[in-house]
Amino acid sequence: MHLSNLKILNKITSKKSTFIKTGIFSAIAACWGVIIVGTFITFK
């Protein structure tokens, strides 16, 4: 019983960590996208 609870907890923390990393990467990519698009619009 205790071992199965630990496995479930590990899976949840693993998915949570992956979700947080994906969110951070998406936010950084969106910021750079805005910067690059803004630069191209300015120079046209």
Protein backbone atom coordinates (compact mmCIF):
# COMPACT_ATOMS: atom_id res chain seq x y z
CA MET A 1 0.00 0.00 0.00
CA HIS A 2 2.72 2.44 0.99
CA LEU A 3 4.82 1.57 -2.06
CA SER A 4 1.95 2.21 -4.48
CA ASN A 5 1.36 5.62 -2.88
CA LEU A 6 5.01 6.50 -3.43
CA LYS A 7 4.83 5.45 -7.09
CA ILE A 8 1.73 7.59 -7.65
CA LEU A 9 3.38 10.55 -5.90
CA ASN A 10 6.53 10.17 -8.02
CA LYS A 11 4.47 10.10 -11.22
CA ILE A 12 2.59 13.25 -10.19
CA THR A 13 5.77 15.14 -9.33
CA SER A 14 7.40 13.98 -12.57
CA LYS A 15 4.46 15.20 -14.67
CA LYS A 16 4.32 18.44 -12.68
CA SER A 17 8.02 19.03 -13.30
CA THR A 18 7.59 18.36 -17.02
CA PHE A 19 4.60 20.71 -17.15
CA ILE A 20 6.54 23.49 -15.41
CA LYS A 21 9.53 23.06 -17.74
CA THR A 22 7.24 23.13 -20.78
CA GLY A 23 5.52 26.28 -19.48
CA ILE A 24 8.81 28.08 -18.90
CA PHE A 25 10.11 27.09 -22.34
CA SER A 26 6.87 28.28 -23.97
CA ALA A 27 7.02 31.61 -22.15
CA ILE A 28 10.62 32.21 -23.22
CA ALA A 29 9.83 31.22 -26.81
CA ALA A 30 6.83 33.59 -26.85
CA CYS A 31 8.94 36.48 -25.54
CA TRP A 32 11.63 35.90 -28.16
CA GLY A 33 8.96 35.58 -30.83
CA VAL A 34 7.53 38.97 -29.90
CA ILE A 35 11.00 40.52 -29.90
CA ILE A 36 11.90 39.07 -33.32
CA VAL A 37 8.56 39.96 -34.92
CA GLY A 38 8.75 43.47 -33.51
CA THR A 39 12.27 43.87 -34.88
CA PHE A 40 11.25 42.75 -38.36
CA ILE A 41 8.20 45.05 -38.36
CA THR A 42 10.36 47.99 -37.26
CA PHE A 43 12.98 47.46 -39.98
CA LYS A 44 10.47 47.05 -42.85
